[in-house]
Amino acid sequence: MSGSGVSLQHRTWLRWTPSVFFVVVLARLVWLAWTAAPRGVDFTDEGIYLVSYRYYRNPEMVYNGAPALFGPLFDLLGYSVVSLRRLKIVLVLVAGVGLGVATAMFVRPDRRMTSRLDAFSVRLAIVLLVTIG
């Protein structure tokens, strides 16, 4: 037992519990999205986006900036809707991790965080939380 009455093993478990929880949640969400990509999730406005991506060079079909980015990617993927959905999943994850890392950089070690491992576990939990959100 340490001076605070909490064993080192218990403290390590408490340190990593949020990160493990967020990894499990993130993995489950990614798995659900990845397996749903071949059939889609709903029938909202994906059709109009796909048409604008397909004809991104035609100014009458472009009504926002998304076709400028996703049009060439859709063309590169051989107009595969499933591949485009999966690419978008990856891009959203990369953007989420980037935002999470940027947010976690603002966390400064506190006096209560006795080691660099404590600060790392807190930053990792923040990165994963922002990525999920």
Protein backbone atom coordinates (compact mmCIF):
# COMPACT_ATOMS: atom_id res chain seq x y z
CA MET A 1 0.00 0.00 0.00
CA SER A 2 1.16 3.47 -0.73
CA GLY A 3 0.70 6.43 1.55
CA SER A 4 -2.70 7.29 0.13
CA GLY A 5 -4.20 3.90 0.97
CA VAL A 6 -4.62 2.78 -2.64
CA SER A 7 -2.51 -0.10 -3.92
CA LEU A 8 -0.37 0.35 -7.01
CA GLN A 9 -2.29 -2.36 -8.86
CA HIS A 10 -5.64 -0.71 -8.11
CA ARG A 11 -4.30 2.69 -9.11
CA THR A 12 -3.02 1.28 -12.43
CA TRP A 13 -6.41 -0.26 -13.10
CA LEU A 14 -8.15 3.04 -12.36
CA ARG A 15 -5.68 4.90 -14.56
CA TRP A 16 -6.41 2.82 -17.67
CA THR A 17 -10.12 2.03 -17.24
CA PRO A 18 -11.46 5.07 -19.18
CA SER A 19 -9.09 4.47 -22.08
CA VAL A 20 -9.98 0.78 -22.29
CA PHE A 21 -13.68 1.63 -22.18
CA PHE A 22 -13.32 4.21 -24.97
CA VAL A 23 -11.29 1.79 -27.10
CA VAL A 24 -14.02 -0.84 -26.77
CA VAL A 25 -16.75 1.67 -27.65
CA LEU A 26 -14.78 3.08 -30.59
CA ALA A 27 -13.96 -0.40 -31.91
CA ARG A 28 -17.62 -1.42 -31.70
CA LEU A 29 -18.80 1.72 -33.51
CA VAL A 30 -16.20 1.32 -36.25
CA TRP A 31 -17.09 -2.35 -36.66
CA LEU A 32 -20.80 -1.51 -36.96
CA ALA A 33 -20.14 1.22 -39.53
CA TRP A 34 -17.71 -0.95 -41.49
CA THR A 35 -20.10 -3.90 -41.69
CA ALA A 36 -23.05 -1.64 -42.56
CA ALA A 37 -21.16 0.00 -45.46
CA PRO A 38 -22.27 -2.53 -48.11
CA ARG A 39 -25.96 -1.94 -47.45
CA GLY A 40 -25.99 1.57 -46.02
CA VAL A 41 -27.81 2.78 -42.96
CA ASP A 42 -30.76 4.78 -44.28
CA PHE A 43 -32.21 6.36 -47.42
CA THR A 44 -31.85 10.05 -46.64
CA ASP A 45 -29.86 12.29 -48.95
CA GLU A 46 -26.93 10.04 -49.87
CA GLY A 47 -28.22 9.76 -53.44
CA ILE A 48 -27.84 13.45 -54.22
CA TYR A 49 -24.33 13.45 -52.81
CA LEU A 50 -23.39 10.44 -54.92
CA VAL A 51 -24.74 12.12 -58.06
CA SER A 52 -22.80 15.29 -57.29
CA TYR A 53 -19.64 13.23 -56.63
CA ARG A 54 -20.13 11.35 -59.90
CA TYR A 55 -20.52 14.54 -61.95
CA TYR A 56 -18.18 16.76 -59.94
CA ARG A 57 -16.76 18.33 -63.11
CA ASN A 58 -20.20 19.56 -64.18
CA PRO A 59 -20.88 22.95 -62.52
CA GLU A 60 -24.67 22.46 -62.58
CA MET A 61 -24.36 19.42 -60.32
CA VAL A 62 -22.06 20.98 -57.74
CA TYR A 63 -23.94 22.91 -55.05
CA ASN A 64 -21.36 22.75 -52.25
CA GLY A 65 -17.67 22.05 -51.79
CA ALA A 66 -17.88 18.33 -50.99
CA PRO A 67 -17.71 17.13 -54.63
CA ALA A 68 -14.40 18.94 -55.07
CA LEU A 69 -12.86 16.59 -52.49
CA PHE A 70 -14.93 13.43 -52.76
CA GLY A 71 -15.58 13.54 -56.52
CA PRO A 72 -12.01 12.66 -57.51
CA LEU A 73 -11.85 10.08 -54.69
CA PHE A 74 -15.12 8.51 -55.87
CA ASP A 75 -13.67 8.40 -59.39
CA LEU A 76 -10.44 6.88 -58.07
CA LEU A 77 -12.41 4.20 -56.22
CA GLY A 78 -14.18 3.18 -59.44
CA TYR A 79 -17.52 4.71 -58.36
CA SER A 80 -17.86 2.10 -55.62
CA VAL A 81 -20.31 3.33 -53.01
CA VAL A 82 -19.12 0.76 -50.45
CA SER A 83 -15.48 1.81 -50.87
CA LEU A 84 -16.44 5.48 -50.60
CA ARG A 85 -18.36 4.83 -47.37
CA ARG A 86 -15.39 2.96 -45.89
CA LEU A 87 -12.97 5.68 -46.98
CA LYS A 88 -15.18 8.24 -45.26
CA ILE A 89 -15.14 6.15 -42.06
CA VAL A 90 -11.35 6.21 -42.12
CA LEU A 91 -11.25 9.96 -42.83
CA VAL A 92 -13.65 10.69 -39.96
CA LEU A 93 -11.50 8.58 -37.60
CA VAL A 94 -8.31 10.34 -38.70
CA ALA A 95 -9.94 13.74 -38.22
CA GLY A 96 -11.26 12.69 -34.80
CA VAL A 97 -7.86 11.47 -33.66
CA GLY A 98 -6.30 14.71 -34.90
CA LEU A 99 -8.80 16.79 -32.96
CA GLY A 100 -8.36 14.57 -29.92
CA VAL A 101 -4.59 14.94 -29.98
CA ALA A 102 -4.92 18.71 -30.36
CA THR A 103 -7.32 18.80 -27.41
CA ALA A 104 -5.15 16.52 -25.26
CA MET A 105 -2.11 18.75 -25.79
CA PHE A 106 -3.82 21.35 -23.60
CA VAL A 107 -3.83 18.98 -20.62
CA ARG A 108 -0.95 19.83 -18.35
CA PRO A 109 0.32 17.45 -15.74
CA ASP A 110 -1.16 18.23 -12.36
CA ARG A 111 0.51 17.68 -9.01
CA ARG A 112 -1.85 14.77 -8.44
CA MET A 113 -0.45 13.07 -11.53
CA THR A 114 2.66 11.61 -10.02
CA SER A 115 4.10 10.12 -13.18
CA ARG A 116 4.28 10.70 -16.90
CA LEU A 117 2.20 7.54 -17.26
CA ASP A 118 -0.66 9.22 -15.39
CA ALA A 119 -0.57 12.18 -17.76
CA PHE A 120 -0.36 9.86 -20.77
CA SER A 121 -3.38 7.83 -19.68
CA VAL A 122 -5.43 11.00 -19.18
CA ARG A 123 -4.39 12.34 -22.59
CA LEU A 124 -5.17 9.02 -24.25
CA ALA A 125 -8.64 8.99 -22.68
CA ILE A 126 -9.23 12.52 -24.00
CA VAL A 127 -8.08 11.57 -27.51
CA LEU A 128 -10.40 8.57 -27.56
CA LEU A 129 -13.35 10.51 -26.13
CA VAL A 130 -12.99 13.26 -28.74
CA THR A 131 -12.59 10.64 -31.49
CA ILE A 132 -15.82 8.93 -30.44
CA GLY A 133 -17.66 12.22 -30.11
